Amino acid sequence: MPAASIIPKRVQRRYLRPPVPLHFPVEEQMPEGKLHRLLMDRLWHSVEHELGGRALISSDQFLYWDPTNPKKCLAPDVAWQMGGHPAVLRSWKTWEVGAPHVAVEIVSDSDRTPGDLAEKLARYRQVGISELVRFDAEAPAPLRLWDFIDGDLVEREMSDPEATRCDTLGFYWCVVRDPELGPTLRLARDRAGEQLLPTGEEAAKARIAELEAELARRR
C-alpha cells in the first residue's frame, strides 16, 4: 500500500517556519543516441502490451528512494512493479508507490565504464530492486542479471539453465538479432527465445497476416 494512504490526517498546528520543499526533477538532458532509444522502446512496448493493466510500468523516468535527498536517483530504461496500479508517472518515488520489482539498464556509450556499473549497483542495492537486468549490445557477453538477496545484489551465473528466467513473469530474457537494430534485448515465453513477447505493433501485424492468410485459403 502506498505510504501516502496510511498517513493520518494532520492536526492543525502552528510552526516556527514553513517547510522547505525539496525539488525532485522529472527529466534531464542525456547524451542518448537513437539506437539506444529504439532498443529501449522495443522492450518497453512489448512489456506494456503484455502487462498493461496489471503492472506499474515506467520507461527512462527518474527513480527516487530517499525522500530527503533528490540526488539519490536512478533512471532505469524500463522498470515495472507487478500488481502496481497502472498510472502515468512523472517520476517514480518509492515512498509513494513502492520499489519496482524489475529494472532494466540498456548500456549506451555514456555509461559503459566499470565505475558507472559499480555506482549503479550500489544505488539499486539501496532501492531494494528484486531483479536487475543489464544489456550491452557491444559486450562479448551482452546480458547480465542480478537478484536482491539478503540485502545484496548477487549476479547470476549465466551457465545455469534458468539464469535468464524473469522470475516476476515466468518468461525468459533473450538477445535476438533484429534486422533493423542488431542485437536486441527481448522477453520470450520460452527459454530458446522463439516465442517473443510482441509489441502492440508487432501483434497487430501478425494478426493482419493471419487474416490475410485465412482469406487466401478461402478463395
C-alpha atoms as a PDB file:
ATOM      1  CA  MET A   1       0.000   0.000   0.000  1.00  0.00           C
ATOM      2  CA  PRO A   2       1.440   3.434  -0.871  1.00  0.00           C
ATOM      3  CA  ALA A   3       2.823   5.258   2.150  1.00  0.00           C
ATOM      4  CA  ALA A   4       0.641   8.295   1.465  1.00  0.00           C
ATOM      5  CA  SER A   5      -2.528   6.265   2.031  1.00  0.00           C
ATOM      6  CA  ILE A   6      -1.610   5.226   5.595  1.00  0.00           C
ATOM      7  CA  ILE A   7      -0.521   8.621   6.942  1.00  0.00           C
ATOM      8  CA  PRO A   8      -3.304  10.013   9.168  1.00  0.00           C
ATOM      9  CA  LYS A   9      -4.700  13.473   8.540  1.00  0.00           C
ATOM     10  CA  ARG A  10      -2.548  16.045  10.301  1.00  0.00           C
ATOM     11  CA  VAL A  11      -3.981  18.120  13.115  1.00  0.00           C
ATOM     12  CA  GLN A  12      -3.817  21.907  12.884  1.00  0.00           C
ATOM     13  CA  ARG A  13      -0.607  23.204  14.469  1.00  0.00           C
ATOM     14  CA  ARG A  14       1.495  26.362  14.415  1.00  0.00           C
ATOM     15  CA  TYR A  15       5.120  26.132  13.304  1.00  0.00           C
ATOM     16  CA  LEU A  16       8.155  28.360  13.723  1.00  0.00           C
ATOM     17  CA  ARG A  17       8.837  28.302   9.961  1.00  0.00           C
ATOM     18  CA  PRO A  18       7.206  26.972   6.825  1.00  0.00           C
ATOM     19  CA  PRO A  19       8.551  23.727   5.352  1.00  0.00           C
ATOM     20  CA  VAL A  20      11.215  23.919   2.683  1.00  0.00           C
ATOM     21  CA  PRO A  21      10.074  21.542  -0.073  1.00  0.00           C
ATOM     22  CA  LEU A  22      12.644  19.511  -1.996  1.00  0.00           C
ATOM     23  CA  HIS A  23      12.661  19.530  -5.771  1.00  0.00           C
ATOM     24  CA  PHE A  24      12.701  16.130  -7.467  1.00  0.00           C
ATOM     25  CA  PRO A  25      13.434  16.661 -11.216  1.00  0.00           C
ATOM     26  CA  VAL A  26      11.356  14.672 -13.675  1.00  0.00           C
ATOM     27  CA  GLU A  27      13.701  14.890 -16.644  1.00  0.00           C
ATOM     28  CA  GLU A  28      17.276  15.646 -17.645  1.00  0.00           C
ATOM     29  CA  GLN A  29      19.019  16.072 -20.971  1.00  0.00           C
ATOM     30  CA  MET A  30      21.165  12.990 -21.550  1.00  0.00           C
ATOM     31  CA  PRO A  31      23.583  12.155 -24.393  1.00  0.00           C
ATOM     32  CA  GLU A  32      21.335   9.355 -25.599  1.00  0.00           C
ATOM     33  CA  GLY A  33      21.634   8.051 -29.155  1.00  0.00           C
ATOM     34  CA  LYS A  34      18.842   6.984 -31.475  1.00  0.00           C
ATOM     35  CA  LEU A  35      19.808   3.299 -31.298  1.00  0.00           C
ATOM     36  CA  HIS A  36      19.628   3.324 -27.502  1.00  0.00           C
ATOM     37  CA  ARG A  37      16.168   4.888 -27.633  1.00  0.00           C
ATOM     38  CA  LEU A  38      14.913   2.361 -30.189  1.00  0.00           C
ATOM     39  CA  LEU A  39      16.262  -0.586 -28.162  1.00  0.00           C
ATOM     40  CA  MET A  40      14.591   0.772 -25.051  1.00  0.00           C
ATOM     41  CA  ASP A  41      11.293   1.453 -26.813  1.00  0.00           C
ATOM     42  CA  ARG A  42      11.166  -2.013 -28.381  1.00  0.00           C
ATOM     43  CA  LEU A  43      11.398  -3.658 -24.950  1.00  0.00           C
ATOM     44  CA  TRP A  44       9.079  -1.187 -23.246  1.00  0.00           C
ATOM     45  CA  HIS A  45       6.346  -1.572 -25.857  1.00  0.00           C
ATOM     46  CA  SER A  46       6.435  -5.365 -25.535  1.00  0.00           C
ATOM     47  CA  VAL A  47       6.214  -5.202 -21.728  1.00  0.00           C
ATOM     48  CA  GLU A  48       3.429  -2.622 -21.936  1.00  0.00           C
ATOM     49  CA  HIS A  49       1.498  -4.796 -24.400  1.00  0.00           C
ATOM     50  CA  GLU A  50       1.855  -7.861 -22.150  1.00  0.00           C
ATOM     51  CA  LEU A  51       1.336  -6.265 -18.734  1.00  0.00           C
ATOM     52  CA  GLY A  52      -0.892  -3.273 -19.485  1.00  0.00           C
ATOM     53  CA  GLY A  53      -3.426  -3.005 -16.662  1.00  0.00           C
ATOM     54  CA  ARG A  54      -1.576  -5.499 -14.443  1.00  0.00           C
ATOM     55  CA  ALA A  55       1.538  -3.561 -13.507  1.00  0.00           C
ATOM     56  CA  LEU A  56       3.020  -0.147 -12.911  1.00  0.00           C
ATOM     57  CA  ILE A  57       5.488   0.390 -15.777  1.00  0.00           C
ATOM     58  CA  SER A  58       7.948   3.184 -16.458  1.00  0.00           C
ATOM     59  CA  SER A  59      10.498   3.961 -19.137  1.00  0.00           C
ATOM     60  CA  ASP A  60      13.507   6.247 -18.652  1.00  0.00           C
ATOM     61  CA  GLN A  61      11.957   8.082 -15.706  1.00  0.00           C
ATOM     62  CA  PHE A  62      13.752   9.148 -12.561  1.00  0.00           C
ATOM     63  CA  LEU A  63      13.517   6.654  -9.702  1.00  0.00           C
ATOM     64  CA  TYR A  64      13.856   8.161  -6.205  1.00  0.00           C
ATOM     65  CA  TRP A  65      14.133   6.158  -2.992  1.00  0.00           C
ATOM     66  CA  ASP A  66      15.151   8.770  -0.380  1.00  0.00           C
ATOM     67  CA  PRO A  67      12.514  11.457   0.297  1.00  0.00           C
ATOM     68  CA  THR A  68      15.175  13.650   1.932  1.00  0.00           C
ATOM     69  CA  ASN A  69      17.704  13.644  -0.922  1.00  0.00           C
ATOM     70  CA  PRO A  70      16.778  14.271  -4.591  1.00  0.00           C
ATOM     71  CA  LYS A  71      20.362  13.479  -5.626  1.00  0.00           C
ATOM     72  CA  LYS A  72      19.780   9.834  -4.804  1.00  0.00           C
ATOM     73  CA  CYS A  73      18.171   8.707  -8.020  1.00  0.00           C
ATOM     74  CA  LEU A  74      18.401   6.383 -10.995  1.00  0.00           C
ATOM     75  CA  ALA A  75      16.731   6.293 -14.400  1.00  0.00           C
ATOM     76  CA  PRO A  76      16.046   2.681 -15.447  1.00  0.00           C
ATOM     77  CA  ASP A  77      15.419   2.307 -19.162  1.00  0.00           C
ATOM     78  CA  VAL A  78      12.472   0.053 -18.331  1.00  0.00           C
ATOM     79  CA  ALA A  79      11.063  -0.822 -14.904  1.00  0.00           C
ATOM     80  CA  TRP A  80       7.898  -2.378 -13.589  1.00  0.00           C
ATOM     81  CA  GLN A  81       6.129  -3.374 -10.413  1.00  0.00           C
ATOM     82  CA  MET A  82       3.756  -6.321 -10.636  1.00  0.00           C
ATOM     83  CA  GLY A  83       0.344  -5.616  -9.159  1.00  0.00           C
ATOM     84  CA  GLY A  84       1.081  -1.912  -9.027  1.00  0.00           C
ATOM     85  CA  HIS A  85      -1.742   0.403 -10.011  1.00  0.00           C
ATOM     86  CA  PRO A  86      -1.224   1.467 -13.642  1.00  0.00           C
ATOM     87  CA  ALA A  87      -0.514   5.175 -13.805  1.00  0.00           C
ATOM     88  CA  VAL A  88       1.376   7.755 -15.827  1.00  0.00           C
ATOM     89  CA  LEU A  89       4.275   8.713 -13.580  1.00  0.00           C
ATOM     90  CA  ARG A  90       6.243  11.923 -13.883  1.00  0.00           C
ATOM     91  CA  SER A  91       8.835  10.284 -11.640  1.00  0.00           C
ATOM     92  CA  TRP A  92       8.905   7.089  -9.573  1.00  0.00           C
ATOM     93  CA  LYS A  93       9.072   7.784  -5.813  1.00  0.00           C
ATOM     94  CA  THR A  94       9.327   4.593  -3.803  1.00  0.00           C
ATOM     95  CA  TRP A  95       7.880   6.156  -0.638  1.00  0.00           C
ATOM     96  CA  GLU A  96       4.665   6.755  -2.606  1.00  0.00           C
ATOM     97  CA  VAL A  97       4.275   3.629  -4.745  1.00  0.00           C
ATOM     98  CA  GLY A  98       6.935   1.176  -3.530  1.00  0.00           C
ATOM     99  CA  ALA A  99      10.021  -0.066  -5.368  1.00  0.00           C
ATOM    100  CA  PRO A 100       9.984  -1.648  -8.835  1.00  0.00           C
ATOM    101  CA  HIS A 101      10.357  -5.401  -8.959  1.00  0.00           C
ATOM    102  CA  VAL A 102      12.436  -5.317 -12.143  1.00  0.00           C
ATOM    103  CA  ALA A 103      14.733  -2.675 -13.624  1.00  0.00           C
ATOM    104  CA  VAL A 104      16.494  -2.839 -16.981  1.00  0.00           C
ATOM    105  CA  GLU A 105      19.628  -0.926 -17.943  1.00  0.00           C
ATOM    106  CA  ILE A 106      20.441  -0.786 -21.666  1.00  0.00           C
ATOM    107  CA  VAL A 107      24.037   0.376 -21.887  1.00  0.00           C
ATOM    108  CA  SER A 108      24.864   3.394 -24.027  1.00  0.00           C
ATOM    109  CA  ASP A 109      28.214   4.968 -24.893  1.00  0.00           C
ATOM    110  CA  SER A 110      27.861   7.392 -21.981  1.00  0.00           C
ATOM    111  CA  ASP A 111      27.727   4.718 -19.263  1.00  0.00           C
ATOM    112  CA  ARG A 112      29.942   1.902 -20.500  1.00  0.00           C
ATOM    113  CA  THR A 113      32.538   2.054 -17.686  1.00  0.00           C
ATOM    114  CA  PRO A 114      33.275  -0.227 -14.684  1.00  0.00           C
ATOM    115  CA  GLY A 115      32.920   2.748 -12.351  1.00  0.00           C
ATOM    116  CA  ASP A 116      29.477   3.566 -13.672  1.00  0.00           C
ATOM    117  CA  LEU A 117      28.339  -0.032 -13.190  1.00  0.00           C
ATOM    118  CA  ALA A 118      29.628  -0.146  -9.606  1.00  0.00           C
ATOM    119  CA  GLU A 119      27.838   3.110  -8.796  1.00  0.00           C
ATOM    120  CA  LYS A 120      24.552   1.888 -10.282  1.00  0.00           C
ATOM    121  CA  LEU A 121      24.766  -1.427  -8.431  1.00  0.00           C
ATOM    122  CA  ALA A 122      25.270   0.446  -5.167  1.00  0.00           C
ATOM    123  CA  ARG A 123      22.236   2.605  -5.866  1.00  0.00           C
ATOM    124  CA  TYR A 124      19.986  -0.250  -6.954  1.00  0.00           C
ATOM    125  CA  ARG A 125      21.014  -2.068  -3.783  1.00  0.00           C
ATOM    126  CA  GLN A 126      19.613   0.847  -1.776  1.00  0.00           C
ATOM    127  CA  VAL A 127      16.389   0.813  -3.768  1.00  0.00           C
ATOM    128  CA  GLY A 128      15.875  -2.866  -2.956  1.00  0.00           C
ATOM    129  CA  ILE A 129      15.209  -3.829  -6.560  1.00  0.00           C
ATOM    130  CA  SER A 130      14.286  -7.523  -6.854  1.00  0.00           C
ATOM    131  CA  GLU A 131      15.817  -8.155 -10.290  1.00  0.00           C
ATOM    132  CA  LEU A 132      18.288  -6.041 -12.241  1.00  0.00           C
ATOM    133  CA  VAL A 133      18.999  -6.633 -15.936  1.00  0.00           C
ATOM    134  CA  ARG A 134      21.920  -5.110 -17.842  1.00  0.00           C
ATOM    135  CA  PHE A 135      22.187  -5.355 -21.617  1.00  0.00           C
ATOM    136  CA  ASP A 136      25.270  -4.208 -23.526  1.00  0.00           C
ATOM    137  CA  ALA A 137      24.981  -4.963 -27.240  1.00  0.00           C
ATOM    138  CA  GLU A 138      28.715  -4.409 -27.740  1.00  0.00           C
ATOM    139  CA  ALA A 139      29.942  -6.696 -24.947  1.00  0.00           C
ATOM    140  CA  PRO A 140      31.126 -10.282 -25.589  1.00  0.00           C
ATOM    141  CA  ALA A 141      28.530 -11.398 -23.036  1.00  0.00           C
ATOM    142  CA  PRO A 142      25.760  -8.840 -23.626  1.00  0.00           C
ATOM    143  CA  LEU A 143      23.345  -9.996 -20.913  1.00  0.00           C
ATOM    144  CA  ARG A 144      23.971  -9.866 -17.142  1.00  0.00           C
ATOM    145  CA  LEU A 145      21.427 -10.282 -14.343  1.00  0.00           C
ATOM    146  CA  TRP A 146      21.356  -9.719 -10.576  1.00  0.00           C
ATOM    147  CA  ASP A 147      18.960 -10.717  -7.770  1.00  0.00           C
ATOM    148  CA  PHE A 148      18.457  -8.922  -4.457  1.00  0.00           C
ATOM    149  CA  ILE A 149      19.299 -11.482  -1.776  1.00  0.00           C
ATOM    150  CA  ASP A 150      19.790 -10.730   1.937  1.00  0.00           C
ATOM    151  CA  GLY A 151      20.413  -7.046   1.303  1.00  0.00           C
ATOM    152  CA  ASP A 152      22.852  -7.612  -1.551  1.00  0.00           C
ATOM    153  CA  LEU A 153      22.655  -7.689  -5.344  1.00  0.00           C
ATOM    154  CA  VAL A 154      24.093 -11.036  -6.403  1.00  0.00           C
ATOM    155  CA  GLU A 155      24.973 -11.670 -10.041  1.00  0.00           C
ATOM    156  CA  ARG A 156      23.617 -14.822 -11.668  1.00  0.00           C
ATOM    157  CA  GLU A 157      25.854 -17.497 -13.133  1.00  0.00           C
ATOM    158  CA  MET A 158      24.824 -17.424 -16.774  1.00  0.00           C
ATOM    159  CA  SER A 159      25.746 -21.077 -17.355  1.00  0.00           C
ATOM    160  CA  ASP A 160      22.777 -22.037 -15.150  1.00  0.00           C
ATOM    161  CA  PRO A 161      19.882 -23.260 -17.380  1.00  0.00           C
ATOM    162  CA  GLU A 162      17.464 -20.961 -15.532  1.00  0.00           C
ATOM    163  CA  ALA A 163      19.770 -17.927 -15.435  1.00  0.00           C
ATOM    164  CA  THR A 164      17.729 -15.967 -17.985  1.00  0.00           C
ATOM    165  CA  ARG A 165      14.361 -16.519 -16.314  1.00  0.00           C
ATOM    166  CA  CYS A 166      12.492 -13.363 -15.305  1.00  0.00           C
ATOM    167  CA  ASP A 167      11.027 -14.510 -12.002  1.00  0.00           C
ATOM    168  CA  THR A 168       8.273 -11.890 -11.815  1.00  0.00           C
ATOM    169  CA  LEU A 169       6.809 -13.056 -15.145  1.00  0.00           C
ATOM    170  CA  GLY A 170       7.965 -16.625 -15.596  1.00  0.00           C
ATOM    171  CA  PHE A 171       9.309 -15.655 -19.028  1.00  0.00           C
ATOM    172  CA  TYR A 172      12.909 -15.527 -20.248  1.00  0.00           C
ATOM    173  CA  TRP A 173      15.317 -12.775 -21.195  1.00  0.00           C
ATOM    174  CA  CYS A 174      16.929 -13.277 -24.566  1.00  0.00           C
ATOM    175  CA  VAL A 175      19.102 -11.427 -27.043  1.00  0.00           C
ATOM    176  CA  VAL A 176      17.826 -11.625 -30.607  1.00  0.00           C
ATOM    177  CA  ARG A 177      19.170 -10.116 -33.802  1.00  0.00           C
ATOM    178  CA  ASP A 178      16.725  -7.551 -35.065  1.00  0.00           C
ATOM    179  CA  PRO A 179      17.104  -6.790 -38.800  1.00  0.00           C
ATOM    180  CA  GLU A 180      16.907  -3.064 -38.053  1.00  0.00           C
ATOM    181  CA  LEU A 181      18.581  -2.729 -34.644  1.00  0.00           C
ATOM    182  CA  GLY A 182      21.031  -5.627 -34.475  1.00  0.00           C
ATOM    183  CA  PRO A 183      21.377  -7.385 -31.078  1.00  0.00           C
ATOM    184  CA  THR A 184      18.227  -6.544 -29.132  1.00  0.00           C
ATOM    185  CA  LEU A 185      17.025  -7.389 -25.626  1.00  0.00           C
ATOM    186  CA  ARG A 186      13.599  -9.039 -25.556  1.00  0.00           C
ATOM    187  CA  LEU A 187      11.439 -11.238 -23.355  1.00  0.00           C
ATOM    188  CA  ALA A 188      10.160 -14.602 -24.574  1.00  0.00           C
ATOM    189  CA  ARG A 189       7.724 -17.191 -23.299  1.00  0.00           C
ATOM    190  CA  ASP A 190      10.276 -19.934 -23.919  1.00  0.00           C
ATOM    191  CA  ARG A 191      13.933 -20.298 -22.978  1.00  0.00           C
ATOM    192  CA  ALA A 192      15.028 -20.589 -26.622  1.00  0.00           C
ATOM    193  CA  GLY A 193      13.586 -17.160 -27.429  1.00  0.00           C
ATOM    194  CA  GLU A 194      11.315 -18.392 -30.216  1.00  0.00           C
ATOM    195  CA  GLN A 195       8.080 -17.011 -28.711  1.00  0.00           C
ATOM    196  CA  LEU A 196       8.891 -13.350 -28.184  1.00  0.00           C
ATOM    197  CA  LEU A 197       6.519 -11.068 -26.336  1.00  0.00           C
ATOM    198  CA  PRO A 198       5.301  -8.842 -29.164  1.00  0.00           C
ATOM    199  CA  THR A 199       4.900  -5.123 -29.117  1.00  0.00           C
ATOM    200  CA  GLY A 200       1.406  -3.865 -29.883  1.00  0.00           C
ATOM    201  CA  GLU A 201       2.518  -3.060 -33.427  1.00  0.00           C
ATOM    202  CA  GLU A 202       4.045  -6.495 -33.925  1.00  0.00           C
ATOM    203  CA  ALA A 203       0.907  -8.169 -32.587  1.00  0.00           C
ATOM    204  CA  ALA A 204      -1.258  -6.128 -34.970  1.00  0.00           C
ATOM    205  CA  LYS A 205       0.914  -7.031 -37.961  1.00  0.00           C
ATOM    206  CA  ALA A 206       0.824 -10.708 -37.003  1.00  0.00           C
ATOM    207  CA  ARG A 207      -2.968 -10.587 -36.740  1.00  0.00           C
ATOM    208  CA  ILE A 208      -3.273  -8.916 -40.142  1.00  0.00           C
ATOM    209  CA  ALA A 209      -1.027 -11.592 -41.652  1.00  0.00           C
ATOM    210  CA  GLU A 210      -3.231 -14.307 -40.127  1.00  0.00           C
ATOM    211  CA  LEU A 211      -6.387 -12.729 -41.530  1.00  0.00           C
ATOM    212  CA  GLU A 212      -4.832 -12.315 -44.973  1.00  0.00           C
ATOM    213  CA  ALA A 213      -3.716 -15.956 -44.933  1.00  0.00           C
ATOM    214  CA  GLU A 214      -7.207 -17.041 -43.894  1.00  0.00           C
ATOM    215  CA  LEU A 215      -8.785 -15.032 -46.724  1.00  0.00           C
ATOM    216  CA  ALA A 216      -6.321 -16.532 -49.198  1.00  0.00           C
ATOM    217  CA  ARG A 217      -7.286 -20.058 -48.132  1.00  0.00           C
ATOM    218  CA  ARG A 218     -10.993 -19.339 -48.623  1.00  0.00           C
ATOM    219  CA  ARG A 219     -10.591 -18.055 -52.168  1.00  0.00           C
END
